[in-house]
C-alpha atoms as a PDB file:
ATOM      1  CA  UNK A   1     -36.601  24.418  19.206  1.00  0.00           C
ATOM      2  CA  UNK A   2     -36.665  26.942  22.134  1.00  0.00           C
ATOM      3  CA  UNK A   3     -35.263  30.492  21.364  1.00  0.00           C
ATOM      4  CA  UNK A   4     -35.006  33.244  23.749  1.00  0.00           C
ATOM      5  CA  UNK A   5     -37.727  35.773  23.527  1.00  0.00           C
ATOM      6  CA  UNK A   6     -34.393  38.677  23.037  1.00  0.00           C
ATOM      7  CA  UNK A   7     -33.257  36.723  19.544  1.00  0.00           C
ATOM      8  CA  UNK A   8     -35.107  38.253  16.403  1.00  0.00           C
ATOM      9  CA  UNK A   9     -36.766  35.945  13.938  1.00  0.00           C
ATOM     10  CA  UNK A  10     -35.592  36.209  10.814  1.00  0.00           C
ATOM     11  CA  UNK A  11     -38.011  36.718   7.725  1.00  0.00           C
ATOM     12  CA  UNK A  12     -38.680  34.282   5.666  1.00  0.00           C
ATOM     13  CA  UNK A  13     -36.680  34.070   2.067  1.00  0.00           C
ATOM     14  CA  UNK A  14     -38.742  35.282  -0.636  1.00  0.00           C
ATOM     15  CA  UNK A  15     -39.254  33.056  -3.001  1.00  0.00           C
ATOM     16  CA  UNK A  16     -40.807  34.698  -5.788  1.00  0.00           C
ATOM     17  CA  UNK A  17     -38.231  33.365  -7.823  1.00  0.00           C
ATOM     18  CA  UNK A  18     -39.446  30.598 -10.669  1.00  0.00           C
ATOM     19  CA  UNK A  19     -37.661  27.707 -10.065  1.00  0.00           C
ATOM     20  CA  UNK A  20     -35.613  26.711 -13.120  1.00  0.00           C
ATOM     21  CA  UNK A  21     -35.504  22.917 -14.636  1.00  0.00           C
ATOM     22  CA  UNK A  22     -32.172  21.531 -14.656  1.00  0.00           C
ATOM     23  CA  UNK A  23     -31.973  18.270 -16.998  1.00  0.00           C
ATOM     24  CA  UNK A  24     -28.241  17.361 -16.016  1.00  0.00           C
ATOM     25  CA  UNK A  25     -28.751  17.692 -12.473  1.00  0.00           C
ATOM     26  CA  UNK A  26     -31.515  15.525 -12.307  1.00  0.00           C
ATOM     27  CA  UNK A  27     -30.443  13.077 -13.937  1.00  0.00           C
ATOM     28  CA  UNK A  28     -27.550  12.934 -11.471  1.00  0.00           C
ATOM     29  CA  UNK A  29     -29.708  12.484  -9.101  1.00  0.00           C
ATOM     30  CA  UNK A  30     -31.856   9.854 -10.847  1.00  0.00           C
ATOM     31  CA  UNK A  31     -28.884   7.835 -11.648  1.00  0.00           C
ATOM     32  CA  UNK A  32     -27.449   8.697  -8.056  1.00  0.00           C
ATOM     33  CA  UNK A  33     -31.136   6.648  -6.877  1.00  0.00           C
ATOM     34  CA  UNK A  34     -30.644   3.627  -9.089  1.00  0.00           C
ATOM     35  CA  UNK A  35     -27.056   2.993  -7.864  1.00  0.00           C
ATOM     36  CA  UNK A  36     -28.490   3.583  -4.332  1.00  0.00           C
ATOM     37  CA  UNK A  37     -31.318   1.134  -4.696  1.00  0.00           C
ATOM     38  CA  UNK A  38     -29.060  -1.020  -6.247  1.00  0.00           C
ATOM     39  CA  UNK A  39     -26.367  -1.195  -3.564  1.00  0.00           C
ATOM     40  CA  UNK A  40     -29.302  -2.531  -1.368  1.00  0.00           C
ATOM     41  CA  UNK A  41     -30.763  -4.968  -3.045  1.00  0.00           C
ATOM     42  CA  UNK A  42     -27.004  -6.259  -3.480  1.00  0.00           C
ATOM     43  CA  UNK A  43     -27.100  -6.168   0.436  1.00  0.00           C
ATOM     44  CA  UNK A  44     -29.735  -7.331   1.226  1.00  0.00           C
ATOM     45  CA  UNK A  45     -29.791 -10.297  -1.207  1.00  0.00           C
ATOM     46  CA  UNK A  46     -25.978 -11.278  -0.300  1.00  0.00           C
ATOM     47  CA  UNK A  47     -27.068 -11.637   3.731  1.00  0.00           C
ATOM     48  CA  UNK A  48     -30.006 -13.307   2.643  1.00  0.00           C
ATOM     49  CA  UNK A  49     -28.133 -15.322   0.686  1.00  0.00           C
ATOM     50  CA  UNK A  50     -25.551 -15.630   3.513  1.00  0.00           C
ATOM     51  CA  UNK A  51     -27.938 -17.151   5.967  1.00  0.00           C
ATOM     52  CA  UNK A  52     -29.704 -19.403   3.659  1.00  0.00           C
ATOM     53  CA  UNK A  53     -25.816 -21.411   2.735  1.00  0.00           C
ATOM     54  CA  UNK A  54     -25.210 -20.894   6.858  1.00  0.00           C
ATOM     55  CA  UNK A  55     -28.536 -22.769   7.947  1.00  0.00           C
ATOM     56  CA  UNK A  56     -27.681 -25.360   5.066  1.00  0.00           C
ATOM     57  CA  UNK A  57     -24.531 -25.684   5.115  1.00  0.00           C
ATOM     58  CA  UNK A  58     -24.648 -27.202   8.529  1.00  0.00           C
ATOM     59  CA  UNK A  59     -28.005 -28.762   8.322  1.00  0.00           C
ATOM     60  CA  UNK A  60     -28.096 -30.808   5.170  1.00  0.00           C
ATOM     61  CA  UNK A  61     -24.963 -30.005   2.400  1.00  0.00           C
ATOM     62  CA  UNK A  62     -21.490 -31.069   4.505  1.00  0.00           C
ATOM     63  CA  UNK A  63     -22.669 -30.403   8.617  1.00  0.00           C
ATOM     64  CA  UNK A  64     -19.521 -31.365  10.590  1.00  0.00           C
ATOM     65  CA  UNK A  65     -22.033 -34.718  11.712  1.00  0.00           C
ATOM     66  CA  UNK A  66     -24.232 -36.721  10.377  1.00  0.00           C
ATOM     67  CA  UNK A  67     -28.060 -35.362  10.571  1.00  0.00           C
ATOM     68  CA  UNK A  68     -26.315 -31.644  11.140  1.00  0.00           C
ATOM     69  CA  UNK A  69     -25.649 -30.116  14.051  1.00  0.00           C
ATOM     70  CA  UNK A  70     -25.942 -26.756  16.432  1.00  0.00           C
ATOM     71  CA  UNK A  71     -23.296 -25.323  14.169  1.00  0.00           C
ATOM     72  CA  UNK A  72     -26.491 -24.264  12.084  1.00  0.00           C
ATOM     73  CA  UNK A  73     -27.288 -21.430  14.940  1.00  0.00           C
ATOM     74  CA  UNK A  74     -24.653 -19.092  13.321  1.00  0.00           C
ATOM     75  CA  UNK A  75     -27.551 -17.945  10.800  1.00  0.00           C
ATOM     76  CA  UNK A  76     -29.804 -16.718  13.842  1.00  0.00           C
ATOM     77  CA  UNK A  77     -27.390 -13.235  14.461  1.00  0.00           C
ATOM     78  CA  UNK A  78     -27.474 -12.502  10.694  1.00  0.00           C
ATOM     79  CA  UNK A  79     -31.681 -13.064  10.741  1.00  0.00           C
ATOM     80  CA  UNK A  80     -31.117  -9.265  13.074  1.00  0.00           C
ATOM     81  CA  UNK A  81     -30.118  -6.883  10.381  1.00  0.00           C
ATOM     82  CA  UNK A  82     -32.518  -8.083   7.818  1.00  0.00           C
ATOM     83  CA  UNK A  83     -35.554  -6.305   9.312  1.00  0.00           C
ATOM     84  CA  UNK A  84     -32.797  -3.219   9.248  1.00  0.00           C
ATOM     85  CA  UNK A  85     -31.437  -2.771   6.062  1.00  0.00           C
ATOM     86  CA  UNK A  86     -34.789  -3.778   4.481  1.00  0.00           C
ATOM     87  CA  UNK A  87     -36.127  -0.573   6.351  1.00  0.00           C
ATOM     88  CA  UNK A  88     -33.553   1.254   5.106  1.00  0.00           C
ATOM     89  CA  UNK A  89     -31.887   2.332   7.933  1.00  0.00           C
ATOM     90  CA  UNK A  90     -28.160   3.680   7.478  1.00  0.00           C
ATOM     91  CA  UNK A  91     -27.254   2.564  10.895  1.00  0.00           C
ATOM     92  CA  UNK A  92     -27.718  -1.362  10.328  1.00  0.00           C
ATOM     93  CA  UNK A  93     -25.460  -0.974   6.746  1.00  0.00           C
ATOM     94  CA  UNK A  94     -23.056   0.459   9.423  1.00  0.00           C
ATOM     95  CA  UNK A  95     -22.499  -1.996  11.999  1.00  0.00           C
ATOM     96  CA  UNK A  96     -23.092  -5.108   9.641  1.00  0.00           C
ATOM     97  CA  UNK A  97     -20.389  -3.880   7.379  1.00  0.00           C
ATOM     98  CA  UNK A  98     -18.613  -4.876  10.566  1.00  0.00           C
ATOM     99  CA  UNK A  99     -20.363  -8.432  11.512  1.00  0.00           C
ATOM    100  CA  UNK A 100     -19.876  -9.598   8.772  1.00  0.00           C
ATOM    101  CA  UNK A 101     -15.912  -9.885   9.191  1.00  0.00           C
ATOM    102  CA  UNK A 102     -17.091 -12.879  11.927  1.00  0.00           C
ATOM    103  CA  UNK A 103     -17.915 -14.981   9.235  1.00  0.00           C
ATOM    104  CA  UNK A 104     -15.864 -13.817   6.996  1.00  0.00           C
ATOM    105  CA  UNK A 105     -12.993 -15.087   9.381  1.00  0.00           C
ATOM    106  CA  UNK A 106     -14.945 -18.750  10.042  1.00  0.00           C
ATOM    107  CA  UNK A 107     -15.095 -19.315   6.051  1.00  0.00           C
ATOM    108  CA  UNK A 108     -11.838 -18.280   5.354  1.00  0.00           C
ATOM    109  CA  UNK A 109     -10.480 -20.484   8.588  1.00  0.00           C
ATOM    110  CA  UNK A 110     -12.969 -23.178   7.281  1.00  0.00           C
ATOM    111  CA  UNK A 111     -12.085 -22.828   3.541  1.00  0.00           C
ATOM    112  CA  UNK A 112      -8.026 -23.743   4.514  1.00  0.00           C
ATOM    113  CA  UNK A 113      -8.547 -26.455   6.869  1.00  0.00           C
ATOM    114  CA  UNK A 114     -11.705 -28.423   5.899  1.00  0.00           C
ATOM    115  CA  UNK A 115     -11.962 -31.146   3.035  1.00  0.00           C
ATOM    116  CA  UNK A 116     -14.344 -30.497   0.227  1.00  0.00           C
ATOM    117  CA  UNK A 117     -17.361 -29.637  -0.480  1.00  0.00           C
ATOM    118  CA  UNK A 118     -17.028 -28.192   2.541  1.00  0.00           C
ATOM    119  CA  UNK A 119     -14.529 -26.192   1.716  1.00  0.00           C
ATOM    120  CA  UNK A 120     -16.207 -24.715  -1.396  1.00  0.00           C
ATOM    121  CA  UNK A 121     -19.149 -23.073   0.939  1.00  0.00           C
ATOM    122  CA  UNK A 122     -16.587 -21.700   2.805  1.00  0.00           C
ATOM    123  CA  UNK A 123     -14.991 -19.682  -0.555  1.00  0.00           C
ATOM    124  CA  UNK A 124     -18.773 -19.106  -1.449  1.00  0.00           C
ATOM    125  CA  UNK A 125     -18.903 -17.764   2.474  1.00  0.00           C
ATOM    126  CA  UNK A 126     -16.186 -15.775   1.763  1.00  0.00           C
ATOM    127  CA  UNK A 127     -17.648 -14.146  -1.161  1.00  0.00           C
ATOM    128  CA  UNK A 128     -21.005 -13.540  -0.255  1.00  0.00           C
ATOM    129  CA  UNK A 129     -19.386 -11.870   2.669  1.00  0.00           C
ATOM    130  CA  UNK A 130     -17.326  -9.896   1.098  1.00  0.00           C
ATOM    131  CA  UNK A 131     -19.929  -8.869  -1.598  1.00  0.00           C
ATOM    132  CA  UNK A 132     -22.299  -7.762   1.037  1.00  0.00           C
ATOM    133  CA  UNK A 133     -19.238  -5.275   2.949  1.00  0.00           C
ATOM    134  CA  UNK A 134     -18.811  -4.260  -0.168  1.00  0.00           C
ATOM    135  CA  UNK A 135     -22.576  -3.409  -0.589  1.00  0.00           C
ATOM    136  CA  UNK A 136     -22.964  -1.545   2.494  1.00  0.00           C
ATOM    137  CA  UNK A 137     -20.273   0.026   2.590  1.00  0.00           C
ATOM    138  CA  UNK A 138     -21.019   1.511  -0.862  1.00  0.00           C
ATOM    139  CA  UNK A 139     -24.278   1.813   0.084  1.00  0.00           C
ATOM    140  CA  UNK A 140     -23.935   4.183   2.888  1.00  0.00           C
ATOM    141  CA  UNK A 141     -21.542   6.411   0.361  1.00  0.00           C
ATOM    142  CA  UNK A 142     -23.634   6.965  -1.828  1.00  0.00           C
ATOM    143  CA  UNK A 143     -26.446   7.566  -0.094  1.00  0.00           C
ATOM    144  CA  UNK A 144     -24.449  10.243   1.999  1.00  0.00           C
ATOM    145  CA  UNK A 145     -23.457  11.775  -1.550  1.00  0.00           C
ATOM    146  CA  UNK A 146     -27.015  11.648  -2.812  1.00  0.00           C
ATOM    147  CA  UNK A 147     -28.165  13.495   0.090  1.00  0.00           C
ATOM    148  CA  UNK A 148     -25.577  15.742  -0.204  1.00  0.00           C
ATOM    149  CA  UNK A 149     -26.240  16.453  -3.869  1.00  0.00           C
ATOM    150  CA  UNK A 150     -29.736  17.433  -3.332  1.00  0.00           C
ATOM    151  CA  UNK A 151     -29.691  19.551  -0.725  1.00  0.00           C
ATOM    152  CA  UNK A 152     -29.525  23.206  -2.037  1.00  0.00           C
ATOM    153  CA  UNK A 153     -29.824  26.717   0.311  1.00  0.00           C
ATOM    154  CA  UNK A 154     -33.474  27.934   0.924  1.00  0.00           C
ATOM    155  CA  UNK A 155     -32.908  31.381  -0.882  1.00  0.00           C
ATOM    156  CA  UNK A 156     -31.543  29.250  -4.156  1.00  0.00           C
ATOM    157  CA  UNK A 157     -34.257  29.655  -7.021  1.00  0.00           C
ATOM    158  CA  UNK A 158     -33.556  26.019  -7.955  1.00  0.00           C
ATOM    159  CA  UNK A 159     -35.010  25.015  -3.876  1.00  0.00           C
ATOM    160  CA  UNK A 160     -38.610  23.869  -4.065  1.00  0.00           C
ATOM    161  CA  UNK A 161     -37.274  22.091  -7.378  1.00  0.00           C
ATOM    162  CA  UNK A 162     -34.269  20.131  -5.041  1.00  0.00           C
ATOM    163  CA  UNK A 163     -37.096  18.759  -2.609  1.00  0.00           C
ATOM    164  CA  UNK A 164     -39.204  17.064  -5.276  1.00  0.00           C
ATOM    165  CA  UNK A 165     -35.546  14.832  -5.195  1.00  0.00           C
ATOM    166  CA  UNK A 166     -35.055  14.096  -1.868  1.00  0.00           C
ATOM    167  CA  UNK A 167     -34.713  10.481  -0.941  1.00  0.00           C
ATOM    168  CA  UNK A 168     -37.302   9.085   2.008  1.00  0.00           C
END
């Protein structure tokens, strides 16, 4: 960042105070990280299950036409966000939570209009969509909350202690 030459630069903070460990805070941060990772893997798992279900449903389990149909290509757009979820990109979690409603709508319509066993797969699709949406929304919320809880003012005695727990 370029500062004008007339603006004085403040001296660095004096961090001569010893960092005092806070076991309760450390436990809360560790629990927060555990919940963030759990919601991440729930989102990834439900997305992979939705991809597999979408492809298998239209090719093998209950295709619209015997021998499979091109409707199996509906699984391809679900493969795009998989890399972003595995790389833990916050933006991907946000837009996947919107994309999933298209698949939810398809599942709800086909659960009502198709005959068994296709209607059962549609209900499974609805369940996986709800799981994926919940996991993505929960992941974003927990990750933001956990990031806020690990930030401490630079002059605080625990400033050096908290940076060791910052999420990647």
